[in-house]
Amino acid sequence: MQNRREALKFGLKAISLVLAGGFIWSTQTTAKAQTLLIRPPGALKEKNFLSECIRCGLCVEACPWDTLKLADLDDGLPYGTPFFTPRKIPCYMCPDIPCTVACPTGALDVKLVSEDNGKLNINKSKMGIAVLDPNYCIAYEGLRCDACYRACPLIDKALKLEYVRNERTQKHAFFKPVVDADYCTGCGMCEQVCVTPKASIFVLPREIGLGSSNEQYVEGWIEGQDKKLKDVTPKDFKGDDKKLNDYLNGGDLL
């Protein structure tokens, strides 16, 4: 059965290659650097996605919101591959995730948006990450706006409001939206409703919008992080114990 499936997948890829045209296929499989794409829910890592996607358009047909589009030559994206532009039409987080389910090759992988028991869960999507520009967000200027917060399908999880005293007026509060990367799916509903002419909160691919920390850092307040210290010894530390204790207790500089 597995061999038949692989043969079918190979045949579909071959047919798509012929239909798309060899020249277009070869020149459009790499996205332009300046173009940032947001793929549908369950998309594999970009390199793997491009190798598995057969440009069939079934995910686009399955989307009930007309969110997804197949890239053409003017988009500067890998030709015929699905993407969406959150500012125009975001992902509306369908519970049954029809676009992912419709994919015949696994380029959109159902497992990436499912629980361990196989039940679909759109909240596990990692399409991108919402990034906020505090220099232009009017909520950070003291104006009352919570449009993005109200639009978030994971309100108070993916997008929260931080209440901060307005020292300028001494009597008002800032309602500052803050993104939690652990919950944000990158659906883009926040970006679509942002009231500034150019959205002050916008979705980026996660590999671009998120940083990373070194593995040796130990966040002691997180359960399990102390395992990193298992083979670590303080033999290289030559501090004065009395001086160290005085510093910890009194706050003086070493």
C-alpha atoms as a PDB file:
ATOM      1  CA  MET A   1       0.000   0.000   0.000  1.00  0.00           C
ATOM      2  CA  GLN A   2       2.858   2.369   0.892  1.00  0.00           C
ATOM      3  CA  ASN A   3       4.555   1.708  -2.473  1.00  0.00           C
ATOM      4  CA  ARG A   4       1.329   2.467  -4.317  1.00  0.00           C
ATOM      5  CA  ARG A   5       0.951   5.711  -2.396  1.00  0.00           C
ATOM      6  CA  GLU A   6       4.509   6.767  -3.216  1.00  0.00           C
ATOM      7  CA  ALA A   7       3.989   5.868  -6.867  1.00  0.00           C
ATOM      8  CA  LEU A   8       0.798   7.933  -6.987  1.00  0.00           C
ATOM      9  CA  LYS A   9       2.522  10.883  -5.358  1.00  0.00           C
ATOM     10  CA  PHE A  10       5.392  10.663  -7.855  1.00  0.00           C
ATOM     11  CA  GLY A  11       2.945  10.489 -10.749  1.00  0.00           C
ATOM     12  CA  LEU A  12       1.057  13.557  -9.537  1.00  0.00           C
ATOM     13  CA  LYS A  13       4.294  15.506  -9.229  1.00  0.00           C
ATOM     14  CA  ALA A  14       5.331  14.513 -12.745  1.00  0.00           C
ATOM     15  CA  ILE A  15       1.998  15.545 -14.234  1.00  0.00           C
ATOM     16  CA  SER A  16       2.103  18.878 -12.417  1.00  0.00           C
ATOM     17  CA  LEU A  17       5.599  19.507 -13.706  1.00  0.00           C
ATOM     18  CA  VAL A  18       4.514  18.999 -17.282  1.00  0.00           C
ATOM     19  CA  LEU A  19       1.450  21.176 -16.920  1.00  0.00           C
ATOM     20  CA  ALA A  20       3.273  24.014 -15.235  1.00  0.00           C
ATOM     21  CA  GLY A  21       6.072  24.009 -17.754  1.00  0.00           C
ATOM     22  CA  GLY A  22       9.646  23.095 -17.016  1.00  0.00           C
ATOM     23  CA  PHE A  23      11.001  26.618 -17.364  1.00  0.00           C
ATOM     24  CA  ILE A  24       8.461  28.227 -15.027  1.00  0.00           C
ATOM     25  CA  TRP A  25       8.871  25.392 -12.553  1.00  0.00           C
ATOM     26  CA  SER A  26      12.629  25.709 -12.355  1.00  0.00           C
ATOM     27  CA  THR A  27      12.756  29.500 -12.184  1.00  0.00           C
ATOM     28  CA  GLN A  28       9.947  30.016  -9.695  1.00  0.00           C
ATOM     29  CA  THR A  29      10.626  27.421  -6.983  1.00  0.00           C
ATOM     30  CA  THR A  30      12.710  29.837  -4.932  1.00  0.00           C
ATOM     31  CA  ALA A  31      11.004  32.837  -3.371  1.00  0.00           C
ATOM     32  CA  LYS A  32      12.472  36.294  -3.728  1.00  0.00           C
ATOM     33  CA  ALA A  33      14.233  37.341  -0.543  1.00  0.00           C
ATOM     34  CA  GLN A  34      12.081  40.424  -0.081  1.00  0.00           C
ATOM     35  CA  THR A  35       8.836  38.449  -0.186  1.00  0.00           C
ATOM     36  CA  LEU A  36       7.542  37.039   3.089  1.00  0.00           C
ATOM     37  CA  LEU A  37       5.133  34.172   2.733  1.00  0.00           C
ATOM     38  CA  ILE A  38       2.541  32.875   5.101  1.00  0.00           C
ATOM     39  CA  ARG A  39       1.601  29.299   4.285  1.00  0.00           C
ATOM     40  CA  PRO A  40      -1.650  27.493   5.184  1.00  0.00           C
ATOM     41  CA  PRO A  41      -2.046  25.607   8.473  1.00  0.00           C
ATOM     42  CA  GLY A  42       0.085  22.483   8.793  1.00  0.00           C
ATOM     43  CA  ALA A  43       2.677  23.522   6.212  1.00  0.00           C
ATOM     44  CA  LEU A  44       6.009  21.735   6.448  1.00  0.00           C
ATOM     45  CA  LYS A  45       9.262  23.660   6.751  1.00  0.00           C
ATOM     46  CA  GLU A  46       9.633  25.676   3.549  1.00  0.00           C
ATOM     47  CA  LYS A  47      12.269  23.507   1.879  1.00  0.00           C
ATOM     48  CA  ASN A  48      10.284  20.342   2.554  1.00  0.00           C
ATOM     49  CA  PHE A  49       7.038  22.042   1.645  1.00  0.00           C
ATOM     50  CA  LEU A  50       8.324  23.007  -1.783  1.00  0.00           C
ATOM     51  CA  SER A  51       9.504  19.469  -2.461  1.00  0.00           C
ATOM     52  CA  GLU A  52       6.161  17.946  -1.476  1.00  0.00           C
ATOM     53  CA  CYS A  53       3.677  20.504  -2.827  1.00  0.00           C
ATOM     54  CA  ILE A  54       2.441  19.520  -6.302  1.00  0.00           C
ATOM     55  CA  ARG A  55       0.705  22.869  -6.972  1.00  0.00           C
ATOM     56  CA  CYS A  56      -2.653  21.142  -7.328  1.00  0.00           C
ATOM     57  CA  GLY A  57      -4.688  23.937  -5.721  1.00  0.00           C
ATOM     58  CA  LEU A  58      -6.926  21.608  -3.733  1.00  0.00           C
ATOM     59  CA  CYS A  59      -6.220  23.514  -0.508  1.00  0.00           C
ATOM     60  CA  VAL A  60      -7.267  26.761  -2.190  1.00  0.00           C
ATOM     61  CA  GLU A  61     -10.505  25.189  -3.412  1.00  0.00           C
ATOM     62  CA  ALA A  62     -11.224  23.788   0.061  1.00  0.00           C
ATOM     63  CA  CYS A  63     -10.875  27.134   1.861  1.00  0.00           C
ATOM     64  CA  PRO A  64     -14.383  28.542   2.499  1.00  0.00           C
ATOM     65  CA  TRP A  65     -13.118  32.093   3.072  1.00  0.00           C
ATOM     66  CA  ASP A  66     -11.128  32.638  -0.124  1.00  0.00           C
ATOM     67  CA  THR A  67      -8.119  33.222   2.083  1.00  0.00           C
ATOM     68  CA  LEU A  68      -5.662  31.117   0.136  1.00  0.00           C
ATOM     69  CA  LYS A  69      -4.222  32.018  -3.231  1.00  0.00           C
ATOM     70  CA  LEU A  70      -1.904  30.227  -5.628  1.00  0.00           C
ATOM     71  CA  ALA A  71       1.151  32.309  -6.376  1.00  0.00           C
ATOM     72  CA  ASP A  72       1.502  33.590  -9.932  1.00  0.00           C
ATOM     73  CA  LEU A  73       4.451  35.160 -11.697  1.00  0.00           C
ATOM     74  CA  ASP A  74       3.655  38.628 -10.350  1.00  0.00           C
ATOM     75  CA  ASP A  75       3.731  37.546  -6.701  1.00  0.00           C
ATOM     76  CA  GLY A  76       7.455  36.860  -6.627  1.00  0.00           C
ATOM     77  CA  LEU A  77       6.800  33.575  -4.838  1.00  0.00           C
ATOM     78  CA  PRO A  78       7.332  29.924  -5.803  1.00  0.00           C
ATOM     79  CA  TYR A  79       4.928  29.548  -8.695  1.00  0.00           C
ATOM     80  CA  GLY A  80       1.644  27.770  -8.037  1.00  0.00           C
ATOM     81  CA  THR A  81       2.151  27.352  -4.291  1.00  0.00           C
ATOM     82  CA  PRO A  82      -0.521  28.373  -1.759  1.00  0.00           C
ATOM     83  CA  PHE A  83      -0.140  31.376   0.518  1.00  0.00           C
ATOM     84  CA  PHE A  84      -2.237  34.119   2.042  1.00  0.00           C
ATOM     85  CA  THR A  85      -1.936  37.815   2.813  1.00  0.00           C
ATOM     86  CA  PRO A  86      -3.358  38.467   6.303  1.00  0.00           C
ATOM     87  CA  ARG A  87      -3.939  42.181   5.737  1.00  0.00           C
ATOM     88  CA  LYS A  88      -6.354  41.293   2.923  1.00  0.00           C
ATOM     89  CA  ILE A  89      -7.946  38.058   4.140  1.00  0.00           C
ATOM     90  CA  PRO A  90      -6.628  36.289   7.244  1.00  0.00           C
ATOM     91  CA  CYS A  91      -6.986  32.638   8.162  1.00  0.00           C
ATOM     92  CA  TYR A  92     -10.296  32.289   9.989  1.00  0.00           C
ATOM     93  CA  MET A  93      -9.151  29.199  11.875  1.00  0.00           C
ATOM     94  CA  CYS A  94     -11.707  26.655  10.647  1.00  0.00           C
ATOM     95  CA  PRO A  95     -12.012  23.886  13.290  1.00  0.00           C
ATOM     96  CA  ASP A  96     -12.139  21.203  10.575  1.00  0.00           C
ATOM     97  CA  ILE A  97      -9.105  22.719   8.754  1.00  0.00           C
ATOM     98  CA  PRO A  98     -10.377  21.786   5.261  1.00  0.00           C
ATOM     99  CA  CYS A  99      -7.328  23.154   3.441  1.00  0.00           C
ATOM    100  CA  THR A 100      -4.926  20.884   5.309  1.00  0.00           C
ATOM    101  CA  VAL A 101      -7.175  17.848   5.086  1.00  0.00           C
ATOM    102  CA  ALA A 102      -7.477  18.329   1.312  1.00  0.00           C
ATOM    103  CA  CYS A 103      -3.716  18.139   0.699  1.00  0.00           C
ATOM    104  CA  PRO A 104      -2.926  14.846  -1.099  1.00  0.00           C
ATOM    105  CA  THR A 105       0.833  14.780  -0.478  1.00  0.00           C
ATOM    106  CA  GLY A 106       1.409  15.874   3.092  1.00  0.00           C
ATOM    107  CA  ALA A 107       2.916  19.227   2.172  1.00  0.00           C
ATOM    108  CA  LEU A 108       0.197  20.411   4.535  1.00  0.00           C
ATOM    109  CA  ASP A 109       0.606  17.847   7.282  1.00  0.00           C
ATOM    110  CA  VAL A 110      -2.496  16.984   9.296  1.00  0.00           C
ATOM    111  CA  LYS A 111      -0.281  15.686  12.108  1.00  0.00           C
ATOM    112  CA  LEU A 112       1.060  19.185  12.730  1.00  0.00           C
ATOM    113  CA  VAL A 113      -2.438  20.438  13.535  1.00  0.00           C
ATOM    114  CA  SER A 114      -3.682  17.432  15.481  1.00  0.00           C
ATOM    115  CA  GLU A 115      -3.620  16.240  19.053  1.00  0.00           C
ATOM    116  CA  ASP A 116      -1.864  13.003  19.988  1.00  0.00           C
ATOM    117  CA  ASN A 117      -5.190  11.188  19.649  1.00  0.00           C
ATOM    118  CA  GLY A 118      -5.549  12.386  16.054  1.00  0.00           C
ATOM    119  CA  LYS A 119      -8.223  14.999  16.735  1.00  0.00           C
ATOM    120  CA  LEU A 120      -7.767  18.161  14.683  1.00  0.00           C
ATOM    121  CA  ASN A 121      -6.848  21.277  16.622  1.00  0.00           C
ATOM    122  CA  ILE A 122      -6.443  24.469  14.597  1.00  0.00           C
ATOM    123  CA  ASN A 123      -4.925  26.166  17.654  1.00  0.00           C
ATOM    124  CA  LYS A 124      -1.773  24.089  17.116  1.00  0.00           C
ATOM    125  CA  SER A 125      -1.140  25.908  13.827  1.00  0.00           C
ATOM    126  CA  LYS A 126       2.149  27.762  13.467  1.00  0.00           C
ATOM    127  CA  MET A 127       1.564  29.704  10.249  1.00  0.00           C
ATOM    128  CA  GLY A 128       3.581  32.667  11.465  1.00  0.00           C
ATOM    129  CA  ILE A 129       4.007  35.016  14.396  1.00  0.00           C
ATOM    130  CA  ALA A 130       2.349  38.379  14.998  1.00  0.00           C
ATOM    131  CA  VAL A 131       4.900  41.139  15.552  1.00  0.00           C
ATOM    132  CA  LEU A 132       3.919  44.531  16.969  1.00  0.00           C
ATOM    133  CA  ASP A 133       5.621  47.850  16.186  1.00  0.00           C
ATOM    134  CA  PRO A 134       5.214  49.987  19.334  1.00  0.00           C
ATOM    135  CA  ASN A 135       6.444  53.086  17.489  1.00  0.00           C
ATOM    136  CA  TYR A 136       3.241  53.265  15.450  1.00  0.00           C
ATOM    137  CA  CYS A 137       0.686  51.332  17.480  1.00  0.00           C
ATOM    138  CA  ILE A 138      -1.698  54.010  18.760  1.00  0.00           C
ATOM    139  CA  ALA A 139      -2.351  52.042  21.955  1.00  0.00           C
ATOM    140  CA  TYR A 140       1.293  52.619  22.859  1.00  0.00           C
ATOM    141  CA  GLU A 141       0.745  56.353  22.363  1.00  0.00           C
ATOM    142  CA  GLY A 142      -2.013  56.378  24.963  1.00  0.00           C
ATOM    143  CA  LEU A 143      -5.043  56.206  22.659  1.00  0.00           C
ATOM    144  CA  ARG A 144      -7.642  53.624  23.548  1.00  0.00           C
ATOM    145  CA  CYS A 145      -7.530  50.931  20.873  1.00  0.00           C
ATOM    146  CA  ASP A 146      -7.889  47.203  21.391  1.00  0.00           C
ATOM    147  CA  ALA A 147      -9.001  46.202  17.887  1.00  0.00           C
ATOM    148  CA  CYS A 148      -6.298  43.569  17.457  1.00  0.00           C
ATOM    149  CA  TYR A 149      -6.905  42.182  20.936  1.00  0.00           C
ATOM    150  CA  ARG A 150     -10.638  41.814  20.308  1.00  0.00           C
ATOM    151  CA  ALA A 151     -10.081  40.163  16.936  1.00  0.00           C
ATOM    152  CA  CYS A 152      -7.701  37.500  18.253  1.00  0.00           C
ATOM    153  CA  PRO A 153      -9.328  34.044  18.267  1.00  0.00           C
ATOM    154  CA  LEU A 154      -7.087  33.137  21.211  1.00  0.00           C
ATOM    155  CA  ILE A 155      -7.809  36.294  23.196  1.00  0.00           C
ATOM    156  CA  ASP A 156      -5.909  36.578  26.486  1.00  0.00           C
ATOM    157  CA  LYS A 157      -3.615  33.796  25.338  1.00  0.00           C
ATOM    158  CA  ALA A 158      -2.010  34.654  22.013  1.00  0.00           C
ATOM    159  CA  LEU A 159      -2.720  38.355  22.489  1.00  0.00           C
ATOM    160  CA  LYS A 160      -2.996  40.029  25.863  1.00  0.00           C
ATOM    161  CA  LEU A 161      -3.362  43.576  27.128  1.00  0.00           C
ATOM    162  CA  GLU A 162      -0.758  44.994  29.468  1.00  0.00           C
ATOM    163  CA  TYR A 163      -2.106  47.778  31.668  1.00  0.00           C
ATOM    164  CA  VAL A 164       0.525  50.451  32.348  1.00  0.00           C
ATOM    165  CA  ARG A 165       0.117  53.803  34.087  1.00  0.00           C
ATOM    166  CA  ASN A 166       0.386  56.800  31.780  1.00  0.00           C
ATOM    167  CA  GLU A 167       3.000  58.943  33.478  1.00  0.00           C
ATOM    168  CA  ARG A 168       2.362  61.805  31.056  1.00  0.00           C
ATOM    169  CA  THR A 169      -1.233  62.358  32.121  1.00  0.00           C
ATOM    170  CA  GLN A 170      -0.869  60.827  35.602  1.00  0.00           C
ATOM    171  CA  LYS A 171      -4.446  59.576  35.485  1.00  0.00           C
ATOM    172  CA  HIS A 172      -4.882  57.345  32.453  1.00  0.00           C
ATOM    173  CA  ALA A 173      -3.582  53.897  31.596  1.00  0.00           C
ATOM    174  CA  PHE A 174      -2.017  52.434  28.512  1.00  0.00           C
ATOM    175  CA  PHE A 175      -3.682  49.306  27.139  1.00  0.00           C
ATOM    176  CA  LYS A 176      -0.676  47.780  25.395  1.00  0.00           C
ATOM    177  CA  PRO A 177      -1.186  44.645  23.282  1.00  0.00           C
ATOM    178  CA  VAL A 178       1.444  41.959  23.881  1.00  0.00           C
ATOM    179  CA  VAL A 179       1.905  38.821  21.736  1.00  0.00           C
ATOM    180  CA  ASP A 180       2.615  35.437  23.331  1.00  0.00           C
ATOM    181  CA  ALA A 181       4.595  33.392  20.807  1.00  0.00           C
ATOM    182  CA  ASP A 182       3.682  30.127  22.524  1.00  0.00           C
ATOM    183  CA  TYR A 183       0.020  30.567  21.560  1.00  0.00           C
ATOM    184  CA  CYS A 184       0.064  32.774  18.456  1.00  0.00           C
ATOM    185  CA  THR A 185      -0.882  30.807  15.335  1.00  0.00           C
ATOM    186  CA  GLY A 186      -0.120  33.536  12.816  1.00  0.00           C
ATOM    187  CA  CYS A 187      -3.712  33.643  11.563  1.00  0.00           C
ATOM    188  CA  GLY A 188      -3.449  37.386  10.903  1.00  0.00           C
ATOM    189  CA  MET A 189      -6.861  38.469  12.195  1.00  0.00           C
ATOM    190  CA  CYS A 190      -5.098  41.078  14.304  1.00  0.00           C
ATOM    191  CA  GLU A 191      -3.257  42.448  11.275  1.00  0.00           C
ATOM    192  CA  GLN A 192      -6.426  42.704   9.208  1.00  0.00           C
ATOM    193  CA  VAL A 193      -8.277  44.851  11.748  1.00  0.00           C
ATOM    194  CA  CYS A 194      -5.374  47.119  12.740  1.00  0.00           C
ATOM    195  CA  VAL A 195      -6.566  50.713  12.350  1.00  0.00           C
ATOM    196  CA  THR A 196      -3.271  52.316  11.296  1.00  0.00           C
ATOM    197  CA  PRO A 197      -2.819  52.860   7.523  1.00  0.00           C
ATOM    198  CA  LYS A 198       0.015  50.357   7.483  1.00  0.00           C
ATOM    199  CA  ALA A 199      -0.658  47.669  10.066  1.00  0.00           C
ATOM    200  CA  SER A 200       1.292  48.195  13.276  1.00  0.00           C
ATOM    201  CA  ILE A 201       0.845  44.528  14.107  1.00  0.00           C
ATOM    202  CA  PHE A 202       1.674  42.133  11.305  1.00  0.00           C
ATOM    203  CA  VAL A 203       2.433  38.486  10.711  1.00  0.00           C
ATOM    204  CA  LEU A 204       5.904  37.256   9.792  1.00  0.00           C
ATOM    205  CA  PRO A 205       7.174  33.736   9.162  1.00  0.00           C
ATOM    206  CA  ARG A 206       8.234  32.341  12.533  1.00  0.00           C
ATOM    207  CA  GLU A 207      11.807  31.762  11.406  1.00  0.00           C
ATOM    208  CA  ILE A 208      12.056  35.501  10.712  1.00  0.00           C
ATOM    209  CA  GLY A 209       9.917  36.974  13.471  1.00  0.00           C
ATOM    210  CA  LEU A 210      11.333  34.944  16.368  1.00  0.00           C
ATOM    211  CA  GLY A 211      14.789  34.958  17.876  1.00  0.00           C
ATOM    212  CA  SER A 212      16.574  32.136  19.666  1.00  0.00           C
ATOM    213  CA  SER A 213      18.660  31.759  22.791  1.00  0.00           C
ATOM    214  CA  ASN A 214      21.724  29.650  23.489  1.00  0.00           C
ATOM    215  CA  GLU A 215      21.095  26.188  24.851  1.00  0.00           C
ATOM    216  CA  GLN A 216      23.431  26.703  27.809  1.00  0.00           C
ATOM    217  CA  TYR A 217      21.204  29.336  29.394  1.00  0.00           C
ATOM    218  CA  VAL A 218      19.290  27.922  32.360  1.00  0.00           C
ATOM    219  CA  GLU A 219      15.860  29.353  33.122  1.00  0.00           C
ATOM    220  CA  GLY A 220      15.592  28.029  36.663  1.00  0.00           C
ATOM    221  CA  TRP A 221      11.949  29.018  37.055  1.00  0.00           C
ATOM    222  CA  ILE A 222      10.908  26.600  34.296  1.00  0.00           C
ATOM    223  CA  GLU A 223      10.425  22.980  35.318  1.00  0.00           C
ATOM    224  CA  GLY A 224      13.064  20.654  33.913  1.00  0.00           C
ATOM    225  CA  GLN A 225      15.596  23.373  33.052  1.00  0.00           C
ATOM    226  CA  ASP A 226      17.861  22.272  35.922  1.00  0.00           C
ATOM    227  CA  LYS A 227      18.686  19.126  33.940  1.00  0.00           C
ATOM    228  CA  LYS A 228      21.151  21.265  31.991  1.00  0.00           C
ATOM    229  CA  LEU A 229      23.244  21.505  35.162  1.00  0.00           C
ATOM    230  CA  LYS A 230      23.591  17.741  35.558  1.00  0.00           C
ATOM    231  CA  ASP A 231      27.205  17.545  34.364  1.00  0.00           C
ATOM    232  CA  VAL A 232      28.243  21.076  35.305  1.00  0.00           C
ATOM    233  CA  THR A 233      30.685  21.668  38.172  1.00  0.00           C
ATOM    234  CA  PRO A 234      31.810  24.980  39.714  1.00  0.00           C
ATOM    235  CA  LYS A 235      35.501  24.074  39.458  1.00  0.00           C
ATOM    236  CA  ASP A 236      36.255  27.051  37.241  1.00  0.00           C
ATOM    237  CA  PHE A 237      34.693  29.531  39.657  1.00  0.00           C
ATOM    238  CA  LYS A 238      37.339  31.162  41.875  1.00  0.00           C
ATOM    239  CA  GLY A 239      35.221  33.730  43.681  1.00  0.00           C
ATOM    240  CA  ASP A 240      35.495  34.686  47.336  1.00  0.00           C
ATOM    241  CA  ASP A 241      32.606  32.939  49.137  1.00  0.00           C
ATOM    242  CA  LYS A 242      32.363  35.589  51.862  1.00  0.00           C
ATOM    243  CA  LYS A 243      32.410  38.387  49.298  1.00  0.00           C
ATOM    244  CA  LEU A 244      29.800  36.584  47.211  1.00  0.00           C
ATOM    245  CA  ASN A 245      27.490  36.102  50.205  1.00  0.00           C
ATOM    246  CA  ASP A 246      27.886  39.754  51.191  1.00  0.00           C
ATOM    247  CA  TYR A 247      26.982  40.763  47.654  1.00  0.00           C
ATOM    248  CA  LEU A 248      23.895  38.546  47.544  1.00  0.00           C
ATOM    249  CA  ASN A 249      22.699  39.736  50.938  1.00  0.00           C
ATOM    250  CA  GLY A 250      23.616  43.394  50.687  1.00  0.00           C
ATOM    251  CA  GLY A 251      23.505  44.205  46.998  1.00  0.00           C
ATOM    252  CA  ASP A 252      27.022  45.700  46.890  1.00  0.00           C
ATOM    253  CA  LEU A 253      29.098  45.255  43.782  1.00  0.00           C
ATOM    254  CA  LEU A 254      31.748  42.538  43.763  1.00  0.00           C
END
